[in-house]
Amino acid sequence: MEDPKNRPELLASMSPEELRRHMRLLGYKTQADLAQAIGVSRSAVSLWLEGKVGVPRPVAMLLRMLLQALRRAY
């Protein structure tokens, strides 16, 4: 089995800084933009960005996959 450290998309969560970077690179300018796109509340995104609650694994994986797809498209 492959070591998850070599595959960041397999890690359980992401830091608030990584979330901010993914938001920017994917074109989500506000917490509300991201929240609407992934079907969560704006307050959930706020908690993730403040580091009060970890980013759920499915959300982290989705954002990483979207960024990979965006990079492949260019």
PDB file of N, CA and C in Angstrom:
ATOM      1  N   MET A   1       0.843  -1.188   0.000  1.00  0.00           N
ATOM      2  CA  MET A   1       0.000   0.000   0.000  1.00  0.00           C
ATOM      3  C   MET A   1       0.883   1.244   0.000  1.00  0.00           C
ATOM      4  N   GLU A   2       0.490   2.227  -0.769  1.00  0.00           N
ATOM      5  CA  GLU A   2       1.282   3.443  -0.908  1.00  0.00           C
ATOM      6  C   GLU A   2       1.201   4.307   0.343  1.00  0.00           C
ATOM      7  N   ASP A   3       2.322   4.926   0.670  1.00  0.00           N
ATOM      8  CA  ASP A   3       2.397   5.806   1.836  1.00  0.00           C
ATOM      9  C   ASP A   3       1.601   7.081   1.560  1.00  0.00           C
ATOM     10  N   PRO A   4       0.587   7.409   2.396  1.00  0.00           N
ATOM     11  CA  PRO A   4      -0.213   8.618   2.176  1.00  0.00           C
ATOM     12  C   PRO A   4       0.609   9.901   2.160  1.00  0.00           C
ATOM     13  N   LYS A   5       1.773   9.898   2.800  1.00  0.00           N
ATOM     14  CA  LYS A   5       2.617  11.096   2.799  1.00  0.00           C
ATOM     15  C   LYS A   5       3.067  11.455   1.389  1.00  0.00           C
ATOM     16  N   ASN A   6       3.122  10.455   0.519  1.00  0.00           N
ATOM     17  CA  ASN A   6       3.520  10.687  -0.868  1.00  0.00           C
ATOM     18  C   ASN A   6       2.341  11.081  -1.748  1.00  0.00           C
ATOM     19  N   ARG A   7       1.149  11.017  -1.210  1.00  0.00           N
ATOM     20  CA  ARG A   7      -0.068  11.352  -1.959  1.00  0.00           C
ATOM     21  C   ARG A   7      -0.923  12.289  -1.124  1.00  0.00           C
ATOM     22  N   PRO A   8      -0.695  13.603  -1.217  1.00  0.00           N
ATOM     23  CA  PRO A   8      -1.436  14.537  -0.361  1.00  0.00           C
ATOM     24  C   PRO A   8      -2.946  14.436  -0.503  1.00  0.00           C
ATOM     25  N   GLU A   9      -3.429  13.989  -1.652  1.00  0.00           N
ATOM     26  CA  GLU A   9      -4.877  13.881  -1.827  1.00  0.00           C
ATOM     27  C   GLU A   9      -5.491  12.800  -0.947  1.00  0.00           C
ATOM     28  N   LEU A  10      -4.651  11.927  -0.367  1.00  0.00           N
ATOM     29  CA  LEU A  10      -5.158  10.881   0.509  1.00  0.00           C
ATOM     30  C   LEU A  10      -5.186  11.301   1.978  1.00  0.00           C
ATOM     31  N   LEU A  11      -4.611  12.442   2.289  1.00  0.00           N
ATOM     32  CA  LEU A  11      -4.602  12.890   3.677  1.00  0.00           C
ATOM     33  C   LEU A  11      -6.014  13.248   4.116  1.00  0.00           C
ATOM     34  N   ALA A  12      -6.265  13.119   5.399  1.00  0.00           N
ATOM     35  CA  ALA A  12      -7.622  13.248   5.917  1.00  0.00           C
ATOM     36  C   ALA A  12      -8.167  14.663   5.853  1.00  0.00           C
ATOM     37  N   SER A  13      -7.338  15.651   5.919  1.00  0.00           N
ATOM     38  CA  SER A  13      -7.852  17.006   5.994  1.00  0.00           C
ATOM     39  C   SER A  13      -6.861  17.961   5.354  1.00  0.00           C
ATOM     40  N   MET A  14      -7.099  19.232   5.540  1.00  0.00           N
ATOM     41  CA  MET A  14      -6.169  20.246   5.052  1.00  0.00           C
ATOM     42  C   MET A  14      -6.149  21.393   6.040  1.00  0.00           C
ATOM     43  N   SER A  15      -5.060  22.105   6.032  1.00  0.00           N
ATOM     44  CA  SER A  15      -4.910  23.241   6.939  1.00  0.00           C
ATOM     45  C   SER A  15      -5.749  24.413   6.437  1.00  0.00           C
ATOM     46  N   PRO A  16      -6.026  25.366   7.322  1.00  0.00           N
ATOM     47  CA  PRO A  16      -6.741  26.566   6.869  1.00  0.00           C
ATOM     48  C   PRO A  16      -6.004  27.282   5.733  1.00  0.00           C
ATOM     49  N   GLU A  17      -4.677  27.292   5.795  1.00  0.00           N
ATOM     50  CA  GLU A  17      -3.893  27.945   4.740  1.00  0.00           C
ATOM     51  C   GLU A  17      -4.062  27.230   3.408  1.00  0.00           C
ATOM     52  N   GLU A  18      -4.059  25.899   3.446  1.00  0.00           N
ATOM     53  CA  GLU A  18      -4.255  25.132   2.211  1.00  0.00           C
ATOM     54  C   GLU A  18      -5.663  25.351   1.667  1.00  0.00           C
ATOM     55  N   LEU A  19      -6.641  25.422   2.556  1.00  0.00           N
ATOM     56  CA  LEU A  19      -8.013  25.688   2.129  1.00  0.00           C
ATOM     57  C   LEU A  19      -8.101  27.050   1.447  1.00  0.00           C
ATOM     58  N   ARG A  20      -7.484  28.069   2.044  1.00  0.00           N
ATOM     59  CA  ARG A  20      -7.479  29.405   1.427  1.00  0.00           C
ATOM     60  C   ARG A  20      -6.841  29.369   0.041  1.00  0.00           C
ATOM     61  N   ARG A  21      -5.718  28.661  -0.071  1.00  0.00           N
ATOM     62  CA  ARG A  21      -5.014  28.570  -1.350  1.00  0.00           C
ATOM     63  C   ARG A  21      -5.886  27.871  -2.395  1.00  0.00           C
ATOM     64  N   HIS A  22      -6.524  26.782  -2.009  1.00  0.00           N
ATOM     65  CA  HIS A  22      -7.397  26.069  -2.944  1.00  0.00           C
ATOM     66  C   HIS A  22      -8.581  26.942  -3.358  1.00  0.00           C
ATOM     67  N   MET A  23      -9.150  27.657  -2.403  1.00  0.00           N
ATOM     68  CA  MET A  23     -10.263  28.559  -2.735  1.00  0.00           C
ATOM     69  C   MET A  23      -9.823  29.571  -3.788  1.00  0.00           C
ATOM     70  N   ARG A  24      -8.672  30.183  -3.558  1.00  0.00           N
ATOM     71  CA  ARG A  24      -8.179  31.215  -4.477  1.00  0.00           C
ATOM     72  C   ARG A  24      -7.907  30.622  -5.859  1.00  0.00           C
ATOM     73  N   LEU A  25      -7.206  29.489  -5.894  1.00  0.00           N
ATOM     74  CA  LEU A  25      -6.845  28.881  -7.171  1.00  0.00           C
ATOM     75  C   LEU A  25      -8.058  28.375  -7.945  1.00  0.00           C
ATOM     76  N   LEU A  26      -9.106  27.984  -7.223  1.00  0.00           N
ATOM     77  CA  LEU A  26     -10.320  27.495  -7.876  1.00  0.00           C
ATOM     78  C   LEU A  26     -11.310  28.614  -8.192  1.00  0.00           C
ATOM     79  N   GLY A  27     -10.992  29.836  -7.772  1.00  0.00           N
ATOM     80  CA  GLY A  27     -11.827  30.980  -8.122  1.00  0.00           C
ATOM     81  C   GLY A  27     -12.947  31.293  -7.154  1.00  0.00           C
ATOM     82  N   TYR A  28     -12.923  30.697  -5.971  1.00  0.00           N
ATOM     83  CA  TYR A  28     -13.934  31.015  -4.960  1.00  0.00           C
ATOM     84  C   TYR A  28     -13.442  32.214  -4.167  1.00  0.00           C
ATOM     85  N   LYS A  29     -14.092  33.356  -4.361  1.00  0.00           N
ATOM     86  CA  LYS A  29     -13.621  34.595  -3.749  1.00  0.00           C
ATOM     87  C   LYS A  29     -14.129  34.789  -2.326  1.00  0.00           C
ATOM     88  N   THR A  30     -15.240  34.165  -2.002  1.00  0.00           N
ATOM     89  CA  THR A  30     -15.803  34.346  -0.663  1.00  0.00           C
ATOM     90  C   THR A  30     -16.128  32.992  -0.043  1.00  0.00           C
ATOM     91  N   GLN A  31     -16.308  33.015   1.255  1.00  0.00           N
ATOM     92  CA  GLN A  31     -16.735  31.808   1.963  1.00  0.00           C
ATOM     93  C   GLN A  31     -18.079  31.338   1.421  1.00  0.00           C
ATOM     94  N   ALA A  32     -18.951  32.283   1.142  1.00  0.00           N
ATOM     95  CA  ALA A  32     -20.280  31.944   0.623  1.00  0.00           C
ATOM     96  C   ALA A  32     -20.181  31.267  -0.745  1.00  0.00           C
ATOM     97  N   ASP A  33     -19.241  31.714  -1.587  1.00  0.00           N
ATOM     98  CA  ASP A  33     -19.055  31.089  -2.904  1.00  0.00           C
ATOM     99  C   ASP A  33     -18.700  29.612  -2.752  1.00  0.00           C
ATOM    100  N   LEU A  34     -17.721  29.335  -1.900  1.00  0.00           N
ATOM    101  CA  LEU A  34     -17.310  27.947  -1.695  1.00  0.00           C
ATOM    102  C   LEU A  34     -18.438  27.139  -1.067  1.00  0.00           C
ATOM    103  N   ALA A  35     -19.072  27.709  -0.057  1.00  0.00           N
ATOM    104  CA  ALA A  35     -20.152  27.001   0.638  1.00  0.00           C
ATOM    105  C   ALA A  35     -21.255  26.592  -0.332  1.00  0.00           C
ATOM    106  N   GLN A  36     -21.655  27.509  -1.181  1.00  0.00           N
ATOM    107  CA  GLN A  36     -22.719  27.209  -2.138  1.00  0.00           C
ATOM    108  C   GLN A  36     -22.275  26.132  -3.129  1.00  0.00           C
ATOM    109  N   ALA A  37     -21.028  26.195  -3.565  1.00  0.00           N
ATOM    110  CA  ALA A  37     -20.533  25.241  -4.555  1.00  0.00           C
ATOM    111  C   ALA A  37     -20.477  23.816  -4.020  1.00  0.00           C
ATOM    112  N   ILE A  38     -20.187  23.660  -2.730  1.00  0.00           N
ATOM    113  CA  ILE A  38     -20.035  22.302  -2.190  1.00  0.00           C
ATOM    114  C   ILE A  38     -21.190  21.878  -1.286  1.00  0.00           C
ATOM    115  N   GLY A  39     -22.178  22.757  -1.126  1.00  0.00           N
ATOM    116  CA  GLY A  39     -23.385  22.376  -0.404  1.00  0.00           C
ATOM    117  C   GLY A  39     -23.271  22.357   1.107  1.00  0.00           C
ATOM    118  N   VAL A  40     -22.510  23.314   1.648  1.00  0.00           N
ATOM    119  CA  VAL A  40     -22.415  23.446   3.102  1.00  0.00           C
ATOM    120  C   VAL A  40     -22.765  24.882   3.478  1.00  0.00           C
ATOM    121  N   SER A  41     -22.849  25.143   4.767  1.00  0.00           N
ATOM    122  CA  SER A  41     -23.154  26.505   5.209  1.00  0.00           C
ATOM    123  C   SER A  41     -21.901  27.376   5.167  1.00  0.00           C
ATOM    124  N   ARG A  42     -22.114  28.673   5.049  1.00  0.00           N
ATOM    125  CA  ARG A  42     -20.994  29.604   5.081  1.00  0.00           C
ATOM    126  C   ARG A  42     -20.291  29.535   6.426  1.00  0.00           C
ATOM    127  N   SER A  43     -21.060  29.304   7.486  1.00  0.00           N
ATOM    128  CA  SER A  43     -20.448  29.232   8.814  1.00  0.00           C
ATOM    129  C   SER A  43     -19.529  28.015   8.943  1.00  0.00           C
ATOM    130  N   ALA A  44     -19.839  26.923   8.246  1.00  0.00           N
ATOM    131  CA  ALA A  44     -18.943  25.759   8.259  1.00  0.00           C
ATOM    132  C   ALA A  44     -17.606  26.129   7.626  1.00  0.00           C
ATOM    133  N   VAL A  45     -17.657  26.811   6.494  1.00  0.00           N
ATOM    134  CA  VAL A  45     -16.424  27.241   5.827  1.00  0.00           C
ATOM    135  C   VAL A  45     -15.646  28.185   6.740  1.00  0.00           C
ATOM    136  N   SER A  46     -16.338  29.069   7.415  1.00  0.00           N
ATOM    137  CA  SER A  46     -15.689  29.996   8.340  1.00  0.00           C
ATOM    138  C   SER A  46     -14.949  29.247   9.443  1.00  0.00           C
ATOM    139  N   LEU A  47     -15.586  28.235  10.004  1.00  0.00           N
ATOM    140  CA  LEU A  47     -14.948  27.444  11.062  1.00  0.00           C
ATOM    141  C   LEU A  47     -13.701  26.730  10.542  1.00  0.00           C
ATOM    142  N   TRP A  48     -13.757  26.231   9.311  1.00  0.00           N
ATOM    143  CA  TRP A  48     -12.590  25.571   8.726  1.00  0.00           C
ATOM    144  C   TRP A  48     -11.451  26.566   8.544  1.00  0.00           C
ATOM    145  N   LEU A  49     -11.782  27.759   8.030  1.00  0.00           N
ATOM    146  CA  LEU A  49     -10.752  28.762   7.766  1.00  0.00           C
ATOM    147  C   LEU A  49     -10.136  29.306   9.055  1.00  0.00           C
ATOM    148  N   GLU A  50     -10.903  29.315  10.124  1.00  0.00           N
ATOM    149  CA  GLU A  50     -10.389  29.764  11.419  1.00  0.00           C
ATOM    150  C   GLU A  50      -9.621  28.662  12.132  1.00  0.00           C
ATOM    151  N   GLY A  51      -9.696  27.448  11.618  1.00  0.00           N
ATOM    152  CA  GLY A  51      -9.012  26.326  12.243  1.00  0.00           C
ATOM    153  C   GLY A  51      -9.719  25.793  13.475  1.00  0.00           C
ATOM    154  N   LYS A  52     -10.960  26.208  13.673  1.00  0.00           N
ATOM    155  CA  LYS A  52     -11.719  25.746  14.842  1.00  0.00           C
ATOM    156  C   LYS A  52     -12.267  24.341  14.638  1.00  0.00           C
ATOM    157  N   VAL A  53     -12.499  23.992  13.383  1.00  0.00           N
ATOM    158  CA  VAL A  53     -12.997  22.667  13.012  1.00  0.00           C
ATOM    159  C   VAL A  53     -12.187  22.218  11.805  1.00  0.00           C
ATOM    160  N   GLY A  54     -11.799  20.959  11.786  1.00  0.00           N
ATOM    161  CA  GLY A  54     -11.041  20.448  10.646  1.00  0.00           C
ATOM    162  C   GLY A  54     -11.901  20.348   9.398  1.00  0.00           C
ATOM    163  N   VAL A  55     -11.260  20.509   8.267  1.00  0.00           N
ATOM    164  CA  VAL A  55     -11.950  20.339   6.986  1.00  0.00           C
ATOM    165  C   VAL A  55     -12.269  18.849   6.841  1.00  0.00           C
ATOM    166  N   PRO A  56     -13.528  18.493   6.613  1.00  0.00           N
ATOM    167  CA  PRO A  56     -13.872  17.076   6.456  1.00  0.00           C
ATOM    168  C   PRO A  56     -13.101  16.439   5.297  1.00  0.00           C
ATOM    169  N   ARG A  57     -12.723  15.195   5.485  1.00  0.00           N
ATOM    170  CA  ARG A  57     -11.944  14.487   4.466  1.00  0.00           C
ATOM    171  C   ARG A  57     -12.589  14.551   3.079  1.00  0.00           C
ATOM    172  N   PRO A  58     -13.901  14.315   2.935  1.00  0.00           N
ATOM    173  CA  PRO A  58     -14.477  14.380   1.584  1.00  0.00           C
ATOM    174  C   PRO A  58     -14.330  15.761   0.942  1.00  0.00           C
ATOM    175  N   VAL A  59     -14.424  16.807   1.735  1.00  0.00           N
ATOM    176  CA  VAL A  59     -14.275  18.163   1.203  1.00  0.00           C
ATOM    177  C   VAL A  59     -12.831  18.393   0.766  1.00  0.00           C
ATOM    178  N   ALA A  60     -11.884  17.999   1.604  1.00  0.00           N
ATOM    179  CA  ALA A  60     -10.471  18.155   1.258  1.00  0.00           C
ATOM    180  C   ALA A  60     -10.152  17.390  -0.024  1.00  0.00           C
ATOM    181  N   MET A  61     -10.648  16.168  -0.117  1.00  0.00           N
ATOM    182  CA  MET A  61     -10.390  15.361  -1.312  1.00  0.00           C
ATOM    183  C   MET A  61     -11.026  15.984  -2.546  1.00  0.00           C
ATOM    184  N   LEU A  62     -12.250  16.488  -2.412  1.00  0.00           N
ATOM    185  CA  LEU A  62     -12.931  17.123  -3.534  1.00  0.00           C
ATOM    186  C   LEU A  62     -12.150  18.331  -4.039  1.00  0.00           C
ATOM    187  N   LEU A  63     -11.725  19.192  -3.128  1.00  0.00           N
ATOM    188  CA  LEU A  63     -10.999  20.390  -3.540  1.00  0.00           C
ATOM    189  C   LEU A  63      -9.671  20.036  -4.199  1.00  0.00           C
ATOM    190  N   ARG A  64      -8.991  19.034  -3.680  1.00  0.00           N
ATOM    191  CA  ARG A  64      -7.725  18.604  -4.288  1.00  0.00           C
ATOM    192  C   ARG A  64      -7.957  18.038  -5.687  1.00  0.00           C
ATOM    193  N   MET A  65      -9.018  17.254  -5.846  1.00  0.00           N
ATOM    194  CA  MET A  65      -9.315  16.684  -7.164  1.00  0.00           C
ATOM    195  C   MET A  65      -9.711  17.773  -8.157  1.00  0.00           C
ATOM    196  N   LEU A  66     -10.493  18.747  -7.704  1.00  0.00           N
ATOM    197  CA  LEU A  66     -10.873  19.851  -8.590  1.00  0.00           C
ATOM    198  C   LEU A  66      -9.647  20.631  -9.047  1.00  0.00           C
ATOM    199  N   LEU A  67      -8.725  20.871  -8.130  1.00  0.00           N
ATOM    200  CA  LEU A  67      -7.516  21.608  -8.486  1.00  0.00           C
ATOM    201  C   LEU A  67      -6.665  20.800  -9.462  1.00  0.00           C
ATOM    202  N   GLN A  68      -6.552  19.496  -9.242  1.00  0.00           N
ATOM    203  CA  GLN A  68      -5.807  18.650 -10.181  1.00  0.00           C
ATOM    204  C   GLN A  68      -6.441  18.684 -11.566  1.00  0.00           C
ATOM    205  N   ALA A  69      -7.757  18.594 -11.615  1.00  0.00           N
ATOM    206  CA  ALA A  69      -8.460  18.619 -12.901  1.00  0.00           C
ATOM    207  C   ALA A  69      -8.257  19.959 -13.597  1.00  0.00           C
ATOM    208  N   LEU A  70      -8.293  21.029 -12.832  1.00  0.00           N
ATOM    209  CA  LEU A  70      -8.086  22.360 -13.398  1.00  0.00           C
ATOM    210  C   LEU A  70      -6.683  22.481 -13.978  1.00  0.00           C
ATOM    211  N   ARG A  71      -5.705  21.959 -13.266  1.00  0.00           N
ATOM    212  CA  ARG A  71      -4.317  22.023 -13.749  1.00  0.00           C
ATOM    213  C   ARG A  71      -4.127  21.185 -15.003  1.00  0.00           C
ATOM    214  N   ARG A  72      -4.804  20.051 -15.086  1.00  0.00           N
ATOM    215  CA  ARG A  72      -4.687  19.194 -16.277  1.00  0.00           C
ATOM    216  C   ARG A  72      -5.334  19.843 -17.492  1.00  0.00           C
ATOM    217  N   ALA A  73      -6.334  20.680 -17.245  1.00  0.00           N
ATOM    218  CA  ALA A  73      -7.049  21.320 -18.346  1.00  0.00           C
ATOM    219  C   ALA A  73      -6.199  22.384 -19.033  1.00  0.00           C
ATOM    220  N   TYR A  74      -5.140  22.835 -18.362  1.00  0.00           N
ATOM    221  CA  TYR A  74      -4.303  23.893 -18.938  1.00  0.00           C
ATOM    222  C   TYR A  74      -2.975  23.386 -19.341  1.00  0.00           C
TER     223      TYR A  74
END
